[in-house]
C-alpha atoms as a PDB file:
ATOM      1  CA  MET A   1      -0.232  10.226  24.529  1.00  0.00           C
ATOM      2  CA  ARG A   2      -3.370  11.125  22.672  1.00  0.00           C
ATOM      3  CA  VAL A   3      -3.584   9.899  19.065  1.00  0.00           C
ATOM      4  CA  LEU A   4      -5.859  10.975  16.173  1.00  0.00           C
ATOM      5  CA  ALA A   5      -5.996   8.093  13.762  1.00  0.00           C
ATOM      6  CA  ILE A   6      -7.667   8.620  10.371  1.00  0.00           C
ATOM      7  CA  ASP A   7      -8.565   6.177   7.572  1.00  0.00           C
ATOM      8  CA  ALA A   8      -9.118   8.674   4.663  1.00  0.00           C
ATOM      9  CA  SER A   9     -11.699   8.242   1.950  1.00  0.00           C
ATOM     10  CA  LEU A  10     -13.722  10.838   0.124  1.00  0.00           C
ATOM     11  CA  ARG A  11     -17.140   9.536   1.119  1.00  0.00           C
ATOM     12  CA  HIS A  12     -16.534   7.628   4.262  1.00  0.00           C
ATOM     13  CA  THR A  13     -13.501   8.611   6.343  1.00  0.00           C
ATOM     14  CA  GLY A  14     -12.996   6.625   9.488  1.00  0.00           C
ATOM     15  CA  VAL A  15     -11.783   8.633  12.520  1.00  0.00           C
ATOM     16  CA  ALA A  16     -10.697   7.621  16.032  1.00  0.00           C
ATOM     17  CA  VAL A  17      -9.152   9.461  19.099  1.00  0.00           C
ATOM     18  CA  VAL A  18      -7.427   7.140  21.408  1.00  0.00           C
ATOM     19  CA  ASP A  19      -5.661   8.150  24.803  1.00  0.00           C
ATOM     20  CA  ALA A  20      -2.767   5.847  25.798  1.00  0.00           C
ATOM     21  CA  ASN A  21      -1.810   7.498  29.044  1.00  0.00           C
ATOM     22  CA  ASN A  22      -0.554   5.180  31.828  1.00  0.00           C
ATOM     23  CA  GLY A  23      -0.217   2.409  29.265  1.00  0.00           C
ATOM     24  CA  LYS A  24      -3.935   1.767  29.229  1.00  0.00           C
ATOM     25  CA  PRO A  25      -5.555   2.711  25.780  1.00  0.00           C
ATOM     26  CA  ARG A  26      -8.865   4.371  26.001  1.00  0.00           C
ATOM     27  CA  SER A  27     -11.158   5.276  23.191  1.00  0.00           C
ATOM     28  CA  LEU A  28     -12.302   8.958  23.346  1.00  0.00           C
ATOM     29  CA  TYR A  29     -14.094   9.056  19.992  1.00  0.00           C
ATOM     30  CA  PHE A  30     -14.739   6.969  16.815  1.00  0.00           C
ATOM     31  CA  GLY A  31     -16.919   7.668  13.963  1.00  0.00           C
ATOM     32  CA  THR A  32     -17.165   8.211  10.158  1.00  0.00           C
ATOM     33  CA  ILE A  33     -17.302  11.396   8.203  1.00  0.00           C
ATOM     34  CA  HIS A  34     -19.942  10.652   5.674  1.00  0.00           C
ATOM     35  CA  ASN A  35     -20.254  12.585   2.419  1.00  0.00           C
ATOM     36  CA  ALA A  36     -23.148  11.538   0.239  1.00  0.00           C
ATOM     37  CA  ASN A  37     -22.685  10.482  -3.406  1.00  0.00           C
ATOM     38  CA  SER A  38     -24.599  13.590  -4.541  1.00  0.00           C
ATOM     39  CA  VAL A  39     -21.941  15.910  -2.990  1.00  0.00           C
ATOM     40  CA  ARG A  40     -19.226  17.255  -5.235  1.00  0.00           C
ATOM     41  CA  SER A  41     -15.743  16.055  -4.500  1.00  0.00           C
ATOM     42  CA  SER A  42     -14.341  19.478  -3.676  1.00  0.00           C
ATOM     43  CA  SER A  43     -17.050  19.888  -1.220  1.00  0.00           C
ATOM     44  CA  CYS A  44     -16.351  16.489   0.441  1.00  0.00           C
ATOM     45  CA  LEU A  45     -12.685  17.578   1.007  1.00  0.00           C
ATOM     46  CA  VAL A  46     -13.776  20.615   2.673  1.00  0.00           C
ATOM     47  CA  ALA A  47     -16.005  18.631   4.888  1.00  0.00           C
ATOM     48  CA  ILE A  48     -13.245  16.276   5.772  1.00  0.00           C
ATOM     49  CA  ARG A  49     -10.976  19.069   6.758  1.00  0.00           C
ATOM     50  CA  ASP A  50     -13.601  20.918   8.614  1.00  0.00           C
ATOM     51  CA  ARG A  51     -14.731  17.915  10.703  1.00  0.00           C
ATOM     52  CA  LEU A  52     -11.133  16.881  11.363  1.00  0.00           C
ATOM     53  CA  THR A  53     -10.437  20.408  12.526  1.00  0.00           C
ATOM     54  CA  GLU A  54     -13.347  20.296  15.040  1.00  0.00           C
ATOM     55  CA  LEU A  55     -12.065  16.954  16.347  1.00  0.00           C
ATOM     56  CA  ILE A  56      -8.521  18.196  16.619  1.00  0.00           C
ATOM     57  CA  ARG A  57      -9.495  21.304  18.582  1.00  0.00           C
ATOM     58  CA  GLU A  58     -11.862  19.334  20.859  1.00  0.00           C
ATOM     59  CA  HIS A  59      -9.715  16.403  21.694  1.00  0.00           C
ATOM     60  CA  GLU A  60      -6.081  18.085  21.305  1.00  0.00           C
ATOM     61  CA  PRO A  61      -4.203  15.096  20.079  1.00  0.00           C
ATOM     62  CA  ASP A  62      -0.456  14.841  20.479  1.00  0.00           C
ATOM     63  CA  CYS A  63      -0.058  13.191  16.995  1.00  0.00           C
ATOM     64  CA  CYS A  64      -1.908  11.976  14.049  1.00  0.00           C
ATOM     65  CA  ALA A  65      -1.700   8.506  12.367  1.00  0.00           C
ATOM     66  CA  LEU A  66      -3.049   8.439   8.831  1.00  0.00           C
ATOM     67  CA  GLU A  67      -3.437   5.163   7.062  1.00  0.00           C
ATOM     68  CA  SER A  68      -1.396   4.766   3.891  1.00  0.00           C
ATOM     69  CA  VAL A  69      -2.727   3.928   0.473  1.00  0.00           C
ATOM     70  CA  ILE A  70      -1.888   0.292   0.039  1.00  0.00           C
ATOM     71  CA  TYR A  71      -3.857  -0.913  -2.954  1.00  0.00           C
ATOM     72  CA  VAL A  72      -6.058   0.833  -5.461  1.00  0.00           C
ATOM     73  CA  GLN A  73      -8.193  -0.533  -8.180  1.00  0.00           C
ATOM     74  CA  SER A  74      -7.498   2.140 -10.684  1.00  0.00           C
ATOM     75  CA  TYR A  75      -5.399   5.497 -10.986  1.00  0.00           C
ATOM     76  CA  LYS A  76      -8.796   7.430 -10.605  1.00  0.00           C
ATOM     77  CA  THR A  77      -9.220   5.691  -7.136  1.00  0.00           C
ATOM     78  CA  ALA A  78      -5.610   6.532  -6.175  1.00  0.00           C
ATOM     79  CA  ILE A  79      -6.146  10.182  -7.077  1.00  0.00           C
ATOM     80  CA  VAL A  80      -9.417  10.517  -5.073  1.00  0.00           C
ATOM     81  CA  LEU A  81      -7.744   8.865  -2.084  1.00  0.00           C
ATOM     82  CA  GLY A  82      -4.697  11.022  -2.323  1.00  0.00           C
ATOM     83  CA  ALA A  83      -6.963  14.018  -2.333  1.00  0.00           C
ATOM     84  CA  ALA A  84      -8.797  12.848   0.756  1.00  0.00           C
ATOM     85  CA  ARG A  85      -5.496  12.089   2.475  1.00  0.00           C
ATOM     86  CA  GLY A  86      -4.385  15.598   1.501  1.00  0.00           C
ATOM     87  CA  ALA A  87      -7.451  17.204   3.219  1.00  0.00           C
ATOM     88  CA  ALA A  88      -6.681  15.234   6.454  1.00  0.00           C
ATOM     89  CA  ILE A  89      -2.949  16.168   6.392  1.00  0.00           C
ATOM     90  CA  LEU A  90      -3.988  19.784   5.938  1.00  0.00           C
ATOM     91  CA  ALA A  91      -6.243  19.689   8.888  1.00  0.00           C
ATOM     92  CA  ALA A  92      -3.451  18.145  11.166  1.00  0.00           C
ATOM     93  CA  ALA A  93      -0.943  20.677   9.723  1.00  0.00           C
ATOM     94  CA  GLU A  94      -3.061  23.664  10.400  1.00  0.00           C
ATOM     95  CA  ASN A  95      -3.847  22.573  13.932  1.00  0.00           C
END
């Protein structure tokens, strides 16, 4: 089984692709989708979706694991994290 793991954030989304065939996990990709502070929030969401779409098409994962929002410092942070998670969910659903 090949898994796409995502830790969504507007500015620094963590991504990994792990292949666990034959009971032996192997990292195929890991990295961060960086969005500079100068980039508009809406453009960050598009960048997250676009890069995840590229990774999904390249690695063809069987499933996606997306980290839940556990703790947020403010409602504004929760809204931003929710939007980033939404972009990730959209990329997975479209592909």
